[in-house]
Amino acid sequence: MELDRVKKLLDLMNESGLSHLEIDDKQGHIVLERTITNAPVENVAKSQSIPEATPTEKTITAPFVGTFYASEQPDKASLVKPGDKIEKGQSVAIIEAMKMMNEVKADKDGVIDKILVSNGDPVEYDQPLFTLK
């Protein structure tokens, strides 16, 4: 593989924010990886004014960083909506992280008061997702 092509691929990774790129074609096989620190993500999150719950409210928070989805499939209804009674261990949302769909389970009983994020929003670790009554 030509050095110019590798440089172009590195530029592509930097411009698009990719952390992993793998190409296998007639010119060869190449895997490029880089570590991305959390500092830029935290700055973006702060500028987006993430809604926060007051300390007296019961909340369900994101167990990890990823993309929030209210339902298991795009054509299915949301797992929960305001006013729904939930029990500890019940699936309330999906967070996609590294192309894996992971269930968010309620860590307490309650009634959904507010949904603090929208479908497809990026979420941070421990970010409040729902408030409970």
Protein backbone atom coordinates (compact mmCIF):
# COMPACT_ATOMS: atom_id res chain seq x y z
CA MET A 1 0.00 0.00 0.00
CA GLU A 2 1.32 3.43 -0.91
CA LEU A 3 2.34 5.87 1.79
CA ASP A 4 0.23 8.64 0.18
CA ARG A 5 -2.88 6.49 0.49
CA VAL A 6 -2.16 5.80 4.17
CA LYS A 7 -1.74 9.55 4.78
CA LYS A 8 -5.09 10.22 3.08
CA LEU A 9 -6.75 7.57 5.24
CA LEU A 10 -5.26 9.13 8.38
CA ASP A 11 -6.57 12.54 7.28
CA LEU A 12 -10.01 10.99 6.75
CA MET A 13 -9.93 9.50 10.26
CA ASN A 14 -8.96 12.85 11.79
CA GLU A 15 -11.57 14.85 9.87
CA SER A 16 -14.42 12.46 10.64
CA GLY A 17 -13.44 11.65 14.23
CA LEU A 18 -13.12 7.92 13.57
CA SER A 19 -11.18 5.84 16.09
CA HIS A 20 -10.99 2.68 13.93
CA LEU A 21 -10.69 2.17 10.18
CA GLU A 22 -10.14 -1.13 8.42
CA ILE A 23 -9.80 -1.53 4.65
CA ASP A 24 -9.26 -4.74 2.71
CA ASP A 25 -9.06 -4.33 -1.07
CA LYS A 26 -6.89 -5.18 -4.06
CA GLN A 27 -4.17 -2.83 -2.82
CA GLY A 28 -3.88 -4.61 0.52
CA HIS A 29 -5.24 -4.82 4.03
CA ILE A 30 -4.80 -2.01 6.57
CA VAL A 31 -6.12 -1.43 10.07
CA LEU A 32 -5.78 2.04 11.61
CA GLU A 33 -6.72 2.72 15.23
CA ARG A 34 -6.30 5.61 17.58
CA THR A 35 -7.31 6.41 21.13
CA ILE A 36 -9.77 9.22 21.55
CA THR A 37 -9.81 10.90 24.96
CA ASN A 38 -13.00 11.90 26.74
CA ALA A 39 -12.01 15.57 27.02
CA PRO A 40 -13.59 16.71 23.71
CA VAL A 41 -16.77 14.74 24.43
CA GLU A 42 -17.15 16.35 27.84
CA ASN A 43 -16.79 19.82 26.32
CA VAL A 44 -19.45 19.04 23.72
CA ALA A 45 -21.79 17.65 26.37
CA LYS A 46 -21.45 20.77 28.52
CA SER A 47 -22.21 23.03 25.58
CA GLN A 48 -25.39 21.07 24.78
CA SER A 49 -26.90 21.88 28.20
CA ILE A 50 -27.73 18.35 29.27
CA PRO A 51 -30.87 18.46 31.41
CA GLU A 52 -30.14 17.58 35.00
CA ALA A 53 -32.46 16.29 37.66
CA THR A 54 -32.74 18.02 41.00
CA PRO A 55 -31.17 16.07 43.88
CA THR A 56 -34.59 15.23 45.37
CA GLU A 57 -35.86 13.52 42.20
CA LYS A 58 -35.42 9.81 41.63
CA THR A 59 -33.68 9.22 38.31
CA ILE A 60 -32.55 6.44 36.02
CA THR A 61 -29.13 7.25 34.59
CA ALA A 62 -27.13 6.00 31.61
CA PRO A 63 -24.94 3.04 32.61
CA PHE A 64 -22.43 3.90 29.83
CA VAL A 65 -21.70 6.22 26.91
CA GLY A 66 -23.61 5.64 23.66
CA THR A 67 -26.70 6.53 21.63
CA PHE A 68 -30.10 6.52 23.35
CA TYR A 69 -33.07 4.73 21.78
CA ALA A 70 -36.54 4.66 23.32
CA SER A 71 -37.51 1.38 21.61
CA GLU A 72 -35.91 -1.91 20.61
CA GLN A 73 -36.65 -1.38 16.89
CA PRO A 74 -37.33 1.81 14.89
CA ASP A 75 -40.84 0.59 14.00
CA LYS A 76 -41.79 -0.43 17.57
CA ALA A 77 -43.37 1.63 20.32
CA SER A 78 -41.26 3.15 23.08
CA LEU A 79 -40.45 0.82 25.95
CA VAL A 80 -41.82 3.38 28.44
CA LYS A 81 -43.61 6.71 28.34
CA PRO A 82 -44.50 9.30 31.00
CA GLY A 83 -47.06 7.89 33.41
CA ASP A 84 -45.94 4.25 33.01
CA LYS A 85 -45.36 2.31 36.22
CA ILE A 86 -42.02 0.51 36.14
CA GLU A 87 -40.41 -2.12 38.34
CA LYS A 88 -36.78 -2.68 39.26
CA GLY A 89 -35.09 -4.72 36.50
CA GLN A 90 -37.54 -3.69 33.75
CA SER A 91 -36.06 -2.58 30.41
CA VAL A 92 -36.74 1.12 29.91
CA ALA A 93 -34.46 2.02 26.97
CA ILE A 94 -31.67 0.87 24.68
CA ILE A 95 -28.19 2.38 24.43
CA GLU A 96 -26.11 1.57 21.39
CA ALA A 97 -22.41 1.42 22.13
CA MET A 98 -19.85 0.11 19.65
CA LYS A 99 -22.56 -1.32 17.38
CA MET A 100 -24.03 -3.32 20.31
CA MET A 101 -27.58 -2.71 21.51
CA ASN A 102 -27.68 -2.77 25.32
CA GLU A 103 -30.78 -2.65 27.51
CA VAL A 104 -31.07 0.01 30.18
CA LYS A 105 -32.84 -1.54 33.15
CA ALA A 106 -34.59 0.32 35.91
CA ASP A 107 -32.64 0.21 39.17
CA LYS A 108 -35.72 1.10 41.23
CA ASP A 109 -39.53 0.99 41.16
CA GLY A 110 -41.52 4.08 40.28
CA VAL A 111 -43.61 5.92 37.72
CA ILE A 112 -41.96 7.61 34.73
CA ASP A 113 -42.34 11.37 35.21
CA LYS A 114 -40.14 12.78 32.42
CA ILE A 115 -37.94 11.46 29.64
CA LEU A 116 -34.92 13.76 29.61
CA VAL A 117 -33.36 12.71 26.28
CA SER A 118 -34.68 12.23 22.76
CA ASN A 119 -34.44 9.19 20.51
CA GLY A 120 -31.02 9.12 18.83
CA ASP A 121 -29.35 11.52 21.29
CA PRO A 122 -25.79 10.78 22.42
CA VAL A 123 -25.62 10.16 26.16
CA GLU A 124 -22.76 10.25 28.66
CA TYR A 125 -22.05 7.89 31.54
CA ASP A 126 -24.32 8.61 34.53
CA GLN A 127 -26.38 11.17 32.57
CA PRO A 128 -30.00 11.27 33.83
CA LEU A 129 -32.34 9.65 31.28
CA PHE A 130 -35.64 9.53 33.19
CA THR A 131 -37.10 11.11 36.30
CA LEU A 132 -39.47 9.07 38.42
CA LYS A 133 -42.35 9.99 40.69
